[in-house]
Protein backbone atom coordinates (compact mmCIF):
# COMPACT_ATOMS: atom_id res chain seq x y z
CA MET A 1 111.67 61.49 95.54
CA LYS A 2 109.24 62.93 97.96
CA SER A 3 108.04 67.53 96.91
CA VAL A 4 108.35 69.27 99.69
CA SER A 5 104.70 69.96 99.81
CA VAL A 6 103.68 66.17 99.77
CA CYS A 7 106.13 65.70 102.71
CA ILE A 8 104.60 68.49 104.39
CA ARG A 9 100.96 67.65 103.87
CA GLU A 10 101.67 63.53 105.43
CA SER A 11 104.12 65.35 108.36
CA LEU A 12 100.21 67.70 108.60
CA ASN A 13 98.04 64.45 108.39
CA ARG A 14 101.13 62.61 111.26
CA MET A 15 99.69 66.05 113.24
CA GLY A 16 96.20 65.18 112.59
CA VAL A 17 95.32 68.10 110.73
CA ALA A 18 92.72 67.65 108.52
CA ASN A 19 92.06 69.47 104.88
CA THR A 20 96.25 69.97 104.59
CA GLU A 21 95.43 72.11 101.64
CA GLN A 22 94.60 75.30 103.17
CA TYR A 23 97.71 75.13 104.62
CA MET A 24 100.03 74.85 101.21
CA VAL A 25 102.51 77.54 100.03
CA ASP A 26 104.16 77.44 97.38
CA THR A 27 107.78 76.62 98.55
CA ILE A 28 109.58 77.48 95.60
CA ARG A 29 108.49 80.98 95.47
CA THR A 30 108.98 81.92 99.60
CA ILE A 31 112.49 80.74 99.15
CA LYS A 32 112.92 83.07 96.30
CA LEU A 33 110.98 86.48 97.49
CA LEU A 34 113.33 85.22 101.67
CA GLY A 35 116.33 84.77 99.09
CA LYS A 36 115.58 88.33 97.34
CA TRP A 37 114.91 89.85 100.92
CA SER A 38 118.18 88.68 102.48
CA ALA A 39 120.46 89.32 99.58
CA ASN A 40 118.40 93.65 99.93
CA ARG A 41 119.63 93.27 103.64
CA ALA A 42 122.97 92.75 103.12
CA ILE A 43 123.63 95.05 100.67
CA GLY A 44 121.66 98.16 103.38
CA ARG A 45 118.75 98.55 100.92
CA LYS A 46 114.96 97.76 103.49
CA ARG A 47 111.98 96.19 101.78
CA PRO A 48 108.64 94.65 102.72
CA ILE A 49 108.38 90.95 103.19
CA ILE A 50 104.62 91.16 104.96
CA ALA A 51 101.50 92.11 103.28
CA VAL A 52 98.56 94.66 105.09
CA PHE A 53 96.12 95.38 103.30
CA SER A 54 93.72 97.62 105.43
CA MET A 55 90.30 96.48 102.73
CA THR A 56 87.47 99.56 103.82
CA HIS A 57 87.26 102.72 105.57
CA TYR A 58 84.57 101.31 107.46
CA CYS A 59 83.45 99.38 110.14
CA ASN A 60 80.15 98.15 111.46
CA PHE A 61 82.38 98.71 115.10
CA TYR A 62 82.89 101.05 117.20
CA CYS A 63 85.73 100.19 119.62
CA PRO A 64 87.47 102.90 121.05
CA MET A 65 91.18 101.45 121.01
CA CYS A 66 91.00 101.36 116.42
CA PRO A 67 90.30 104.79 114.40
CA PHE A 68 87.30 102.48 112.36
CA GLY A 69 85.64 102.71 115.75
CA ASN A 70 84.63 106.22 115.20
CA ALA A 71 81.11 106.57 115.74
CA ASP A 72 80.50 108.50 112.56
CA LYS A 73 79.31 105.65 110.33
CA GLU A 74 77.47 108.25 107.63
CA GLY A 75 81.27 109.98 107.70
CA GLN A 76 82.91 105.99 106.51
CA MET A 77 80.48 105.17 103.90
CA SER A 78 81.37 108.54 102.59
CA LEU A 79 85.19 107.85 102.80
CA VAL A 80 83.76 104.12 100.78
CA ARG A 81 82.11 105.77 98.45
CA THR A 82 85.04 108.42 97.26
CA ARG A 83 88.44 107.11 98.77
CA ASP A 84 87.44 103.10 98.29
CA LEU A 85 89.88 101.38 95.41
CA THR A 86 87.85 99.78 92.91
CA THR A 87 88.07 96.32 92.58
CA ASN A 88 90.46 96.99 89.34
CA GLN A 89 93.17 99.02 91.50
CA TRP A 90 92.99 96.49 94.06
CA LYS A 91 93.82 93.47 91.56
CA ALA A 92 96.70 96.37 90.73
CA VAL A 93 97.63 96.84 93.45
CA PHE A 94 98.24 93.49 95.21
CA ASP A 95 99.77 93.00 91.79
CA LYS A 96 103.11 94.83 92.72
CA VAL A 97 102.78 93.72 96.01
CA SER A 98 103.16 90.16 95.17
CA ARG A 99 106.31 90.56 93.39
CA HIS A 100 108.06 91.51 97.45
CA CYS A 101 106.23 90.06 100.28
CA VAL A 102 105.16 86.20 101.07
CA TRP A 103 102.47 86.70 102.70
CA SER A 104 99.62 88.54 102.66
CA ILE A 105 97.16 90.20 105.96
CA ILE A 106 93.47 91.47 104.73
CA GLU A 107 91.68 93.53 107.56
CA GLY A 108 90.02 96.70 107.62
CA GLY A 109 87.94 98.33 108.56
CA GLU A 110 85.90 95.23 108.58
CA PRO A 111 87.10 93.79 105.20
CA THR A 112 84.29 91.38 104.42
CA SER A 113 81.48 94.07 104.42
CA ARG A 114 83.24 94.66 100.95
CA PRO A 115 80.28 93.35 98.06
CA ASP A 116 83.78 92.19 95.94
CA PHE A 117 86.53 90.86 99.09
CA MET A 118 85.41 87.06 98.09
CA GLU A 119 86.15 88.11 94.16
CA LEU A 120 89.87 90.01 95.74
CA VAL A 121 90.53 86.59 98.43
CA LYS A 122 90.67 84.38 95.20
CA TYR A 123 92.83 87.15 93.51
CA LEU A 124 95.32 86.91 95.81
CA TYR A 125 95.20 83.58 96.01
CA SER A 126 95.49 82.95 91.72
CA LEU A 127 98.81 85.39 92.87
CA ARG A 128 100.33 82.34 94.91
CA MET A 129 99.94 84.89 98.18
CA PRO A 130 99.05 82.84 101.54
CA ILE A 131 96.11 85.13 103.11
CA THR A 132 94.89 85.12 106.53
CA LEU A 133 92.06 87.41 107.03
CA ILE A 134 91.42 89.61 110.65
CA SER A 135 87.84 90.36 110.31
CA ASN A 136 85.72 90.91 113.86
CA CYS A 137 83.57 88.41 112.31
CA SER A 138 80.23 89.89 112.42
CA LEU A 139 79.55 89.53 109.15
CA LEU A 140 80.85 85.80 108.63
CA HIS A 141 77.25 84.35 107.88
CA THR A 142 76.88 86.13 104.41
CA ILE A 143 80.01 84.10 103.63
CA ASP A 144 80.09 80.47 101.52
CA LEU A 145 83.02 79.52 104.61
CA ASP A 146 83.21 75.94 102.25
CA GLU A 147 84.36 78.46 99.66
CA LEU A 148 86.82 80.77 101.63
CA ARG A 149 88.25 77.96 103.38
CA ARG A 150 89.51 76.44 99.63
CA TYR A 151 91.77 80.30 99.72
CA ILE A 152 93.30 81.21 103.47
CA GLN A 153 95.18 80.13 105.71
CA PHE A 154 93.90 81.22 108.79
CA VAL A 155 90.48 83.94 109.99
CA THR A 156 91.86 85.53 112.38
CA CYS A 157 88.78 86.34 115.05
CA SER A 158 89.21 89.37 116.49
CA ILE A 159 87.54 88.28 119.83
CA ASP A 160 88.81 90.89 122.99
CA SER A 161 86.76 89.22 125.21
CA THR A 162 84.88 85.76 126.00
CA TYR A 163 82.47 87.39 128.13
CA GLU A 164 79.10 89.45 127.19
CA GLU A 165 79.84 92.18 129.19
CA SER A 166 83.31 92.79 128.53
CA TYR A 167 83.26 92.52 124.81
CA CYS A 168 80.10 94.90 124.15
CA LYS A 169 82.29 97.37 126.43
CA VAL A 170 85.15 96.71 124.42
CA ARG A 171 83.31 97.14 120.82
CA GLY A 172 80.94 99.04 121.14
CA VAL A 173 78.47 96.45 120.43
CA SER A 174 74.86 95.75 121.45
CA PRO A 175 74.40 92.33 123.00
CA GLN A 176 72.76 90.39 119.92
CA MET A 177 75.55 91.27 118.27
CA PHE A 178 78.14 89.27 120.24
CA LYS A 179 75.92 86.92 119.98
CA ARG A 180 75.93 86.62 116.47
CA VAL A 181 79.81 86.39 116.59
CA VAL A 182 79.96 83.45 118.76
CA ASP A 183 77.21 81.58 116.52
CA ASN A 184 79.94 82.30 113.68
CA VAL A 185 82.82 81.45 115.57
CA ARG A 186 81.14 77.99 116.26
CA LEU A 187 80.56 78.65 112.06
CA LEU A 188 83.93 78.68 111.33
CA THR A 189 84.57 75.20 113.33
CA GLU A 190 81.34 73.57 111.70
CA HIS A 191 83.32 74.44 108.25
CA GLN A 192 86.91 73.30 109.61
CA VAL A 193 88.28 76.61 108.31
CA PRO A 194 91.27 77.40 110.63
CA HIS A 195 91.13 80.01 112.44
CA TYR A 196 92.41 81.66 115.87
CA PHE A 197 91.48 84.76 118.17
CA ASN A 198 93.43 87.73 118.79
CA SER A 199 92.86 90.23 122.15
CA VAL A 200 93.55 93.36 122.68
CA ILE A 201 94.06 93.06 126.29
CA THR A 202 92.34 96.92 128.06
CA LYS A 203 91.31 97.85 131.40
CA TYR A 204 88.21 97.00 130.65
CA ASN A 205 89.22 92.80 129.86
CA ALA A 206 92.82 92.16 131.63
CA GLN A 207 90.99 89.99 135.12
CA GLU A 208 90.24 87.30 132.37
CA PHE A 209 93.39 87.17 131.47
CA ILE A 210 94.82 86.71 134.96
CA ASP A 211 92.61 84.37 135.90
CA GLN A 212 92.88 82.24 132.82
CA THR A 213 89.28 82.30 131.89
CA TYR A 214 89.74 83.49 128.59
CA PHE A 215 91.86 80.87 127.07
CA GLU A 216 89.57 78.27 128.62
CA ARG A 217 86.17 79.61 127.43
CA ALA A 218 88.61 79.97 123.65
CA ARG A 219 89.03 76.51 123.65
CA GLU A 220 85.26 76.06 124.23
CA LEU A 221 84.53 77.93 120.84
CA GLY A 222 87.00 75.57 119.07
CA VAL A 223 89.79 78.01 118.33
CA ASN A 224 93.67 77.00 117.25
CA ALA A 225 95.28 79.71 118.78
CA VAL A 226 95.31 82.18 120.82
CA SER A 227 97.55 85.59 119.78
CA LEU A 228 97.15 88.86 122.59
CA THR A 229 99.10 91.63 123.34
CA PHE A 230 98.33 95.46 125.30
CA VAL A 231 96.48 98.36 123.62
CA GLU A 232 99.02 100.68 122.38
CA ASP A 233 97.05 103.93 123.23
CA ARG A 234 96.09 105.66 120.08
CA SER A 235 97.72 109.64 119.99
CA ASP A 236 94.72 111.33 118.56
CA VAL A 237 92.61 110.52 121.47
CA ASN A 238 92.41 112.18 125.16
CA TYR A 239 91.40 108.97 127.06
CA SER A 240 93.73 105.69 127.75
CA LEU A 241 92.70 102.07 127.64
CA LEU A 242 96.23 100.91 128.59
CA PRO A 243 95.90 98.77 132.29
CA ASP A 244 98.29 100.22 134.81
CA ARG A 245 101.46 98.82 135.36
CA LYS A 246 100.77 96.56 138.84
CA THR A 247 96.99 95.21 136.13
CA MET A 248 99.71 94.80 132.98
CA GLN A 249 102.33 92.84 135.45
CA GLN A 250 99.92 90.08 136.80
CA VAL A 251 98.01 90.22 133.59
CA SER A 252 101.75 89.28 132.33
CA GLU A 253 102.87 86.33 135.20
CA SER A 254 99.51 84.95 134.34
CA VAL A 255 100.46 84.66 130.74
CA LEU A 256 103.90 82.98 131.59
CA ASP A 257 102.20 80.99 134.14
CA TYR A 258 99.54 79.32 131.93
CA MET A 259 101.99 78.41 128.46
CA LYS A 260 103.94 76.37 130.80
CA LYS A 261 100.57 74.03 131.48
CA PRO A 262 101.17 71.09 129.09
CA ASN A 263 97.95 71.15 127.83
CA ALA A 264 97.13 75.23 127.29
CA VAL A 265 95.49 76.44 123.96
CA PRO A 266 99.01 78.19 121.84
CA ILE A 267 99.71 81.20 122.42
CA MET A 268 101.09 82.81 119.39
CA ILE A 269 103.05 85.87 120.86
CA PRO A 270 106.41 84.72 121.96
CA PRO A 271 107.26 85.05 126.58
CA GLU A 272 109.75 87.46 125.86
CA TYR A 273 107.51 90.04 124.95
CA PHE A 274 105.60 89.23 128.95
CA GLN A 275 108.51 89.46 130.40
CA GLN A 276 109.69 92.84 129.01
CA VAL A 277 106.52 94.03 130.54
CA ILE A 278 107.05 92.69 133.63
CA ASP A 279 110.27 94.08 133.88
CA HIS A 280 109.99 97.38 131.99
CA GLY A 281 106.40 98.27 131.64
CA ARG A 282 107.09 98.21 128.11
CA THR A 283 108.71 96.52 125.24
CA LEU A 284 112.44 96.36 124.23
CA PHE A 285 113.45 96.93 120.77
CA ASP A 286 116.79 98.36 118.64
CA GLU A 287 115.03 99.36 115.70
CA CYS A 288 111.68 99.69 114.60
CA GLY A 289 111.34 96.80 111.45
CA VAL A 290 107.73 98.80 110.96
CA TRP A 291 109.83 98.67 107.46
CA LYS A 292 109.33 94.60 106.97
CA SER A 293 105.74 95.24 106.29
CA VAL A 294 103.82 97.11 103.87
CA PHE A 295 100.27 98.75 104.85
CA VAL A 296 98.60 100.13 102.61
CA ASN A 297 95.34 102.06 103.23
CA GLY A 298 92.08 101.58 101.78
CA ASP A 299 92.36 104.24 99.31
CA GLY A 300 96.05 102.47 98.16
CA THR A 301 98.35 104.54 100.10
CA VAL A 302 101.53 103.85 102.35
CA MET A 303 102.46 106.32 105.00
CA VAL A 304 106.16 105.98 105.99
CA PRO A 305 107.08 105.15 108.06
CA CYS A 306 103.79 104.36 109.66
CA TRP A 307 100.85 106.41 110.23
CA LYS A 308 101.83 107.98 113.62
CA PHE A 309 104.07 110.30 110.98
CA ASN A 310 100.40 111.20 108.94
CA SER A 311 101.93 113.80 107.49
CA PRO A 312 101.36 115.24 103.27
CA GLU A 313 104.94 115.01 102.65
CA ASN A 314 104.69 111.10 104.44
CA VAL A 315 101.79 109.63 102.20
CA TYR A 316 102.92 107.18 98.78
CA SER A 317 100.18 106.12 96.05
CA LEU A 318 100.81 102.46 95.21
CA LEU A 319 98.66 103.28 92.79
CA GLU A 320 101.69 106.12 91.32
CA LYS A 321 104.90 104.03 93.16
CA SER A 322 106.56 101.16 93.35
CA ILE A 323 107.71 99.26 96.22
CA ASP A 324 111.06 100.06 95.43
CA GLU A 325 110.65 103.95 95.56
CA ILE A 326 108.47 104.37 98.04
CA TRP A 327 111.23 102.23 100.37
CA ASP A 328 113.72 104.31 99.15
CA ALA A 329 112.19 107.62 100.57
CA PRO A 330 114.05 109.21 103.55
CA GLN A 331 111.33 109.49 105.77
CA TRP A 332 112.26 105.91 106.42
CA ASP A 333 115.21 107.02 108.53
CA ILE A 334 112.53 107.93 111.29
CA ALA A 335 112.46 104.25 112.13
CA LYS A 336 115.59 103.41 112.69
CA THR A 337 115.43 105.90 116.19
CA CYS A 338 111.18 106.09 116.89
CA HIS A 339 110.65 104.11 120.00
CA GLU A 340 106.86 105.49 120.32
CA CYS A 341 105.35 101.99 120.35
CA ARG A 342 105.39 100.72 123.70
CA VAL A 343 103.15 97.95 124.12
CA LEU A 344 102.33 97.55 120.00
CA GLY A 345 102.86 93.50 119.69
CA CYS A 346 103.43 93.97 115.75
CA ILE A 347 106.01 96.38 116.07
CA TRP A 348 107.63 94.28 118.78
CA TYR A 349 107.51 91.42 116.91
CA SER A 350 109.29 92.97 114.10
CA SER A 351 111.56 94.68 115.79
CA GLN A 352 113.25 91.26 117.02
CA PRO A 353 116.41 89.57 116.18
CA VAL A 354 115.44 85.83 114.31
CA THR A 355 117.23 84.25 117.58
CA THR A 356 113.48 85.12 118.95
CA PHE A 357 112.13 83.88 116.36
CA ALA A 358 113.65 80.71 115.93
CA ARG A 359 113.50 80.18 120.25
CA ASN A 360 109.66 80.30 120.00
CA TYR A 361 109.56 77.96 116.66
CA MET A 362 111.70 75.88 118.88
CA ARG A 363 109.22 75.92 122.12
CA GLY A 364 105.96 75.74 119.17
CA LEU A 365 107.93 72.41 118.02
CA GLY A 366 109.02 70.82 120.97
CA LYS A 367 104.75 71.40 121.89
CA ILE A 368 103.81 69.18 119.41
CA ILE A 369 106.09 66.16 119.63
CA GLY A 370 104.86 65.90 123.15
CA GLN A 371 101.71 65.47 122.18
CA LYS A 372 102.70 63.02 119.84
CA ARG A 373 105.64 61.77 121.24
CA PRO A 374 106.28 63.09 125.31
CA GLU A 375 109.54 61.21 125.75
CA LEU A 376 111.71 63.42 123.24
CA ALA A 377 109.96 67.15 124.13
CA GLU A 378 112.13 68.07 126.42
CA ALA A 379 114.99 67.47 124.00
CA VAL A 380 113.33 69.36 121.42
CA SER A 381 112.33 72.17 123.86
């Protein structure tokens, strides 16, 4: 009898996916952790299932929607020297988190700016933690991409706009940097590194989603899929990047229309997200699901329940506390009633019922089958 891994690999090959090794995960480990997580939920105990590691306080970009976009780069470097975890400290954090989580996400700041970036990636891999890398892609040319491909599942490219002018406006960088990022994205394709684009929709780039040019230009850059959500305005600034209600509706209607096209680039956010924005001007959820992820800051701290409640009594160090100790903290009760995040995609997604994921999975499966066996696509969808 064939193993589950062999069956998955053969299925990927039939779908035309090359280099299947980086797609593989430890199925037995995943099933065990999901079983443990479900058992905890059954008795009312909340624990994380996804790990997000903010690897450093430094980023070389100036994005106004992100706290790492701060123009004071000297100040950021001071934080790197005094507060960024060392290589061994990060490994200790990985050890703790890997006992609970089935997947890991590496982000920043800009994670590829760390000199020990590949060493940390390899260590996570050794713990059998599948890895998604979120990067602005400006430094990928400095990394051995063939080696990177061996250890990660995906690179998420933070590409808010495929047009130079709006990209530079949103990201606060020069046209030369835009060209560097585009070249690096093409390198990912050349080296067969699976990657998709993530875009934050602001008033500066909304038009290319309304006219759908973003998707076609992304396809030209060799992208495998696209994830996009509206910007969630920061509470610590006095400006808004969110488009007005009418523009948000136009974007959402256009995205829903694009999703129906037979040869559309796959969009990773379910249509329910955009339909709720159309109907209500924001997303809807009963209880915030922020507790399903452990978000580790560059200094090893976790803010409970999230960054919106950044006071000393809400901050715990994973160097000093265990996951169990932190997730038993009373501050998690705040998440039961908090609805401050209006359009933040990760919060919306984590707060959805299982049926939302199931419907999205079946839609994706129907599209794959439709490309191979059109006569079966309708039945699956």
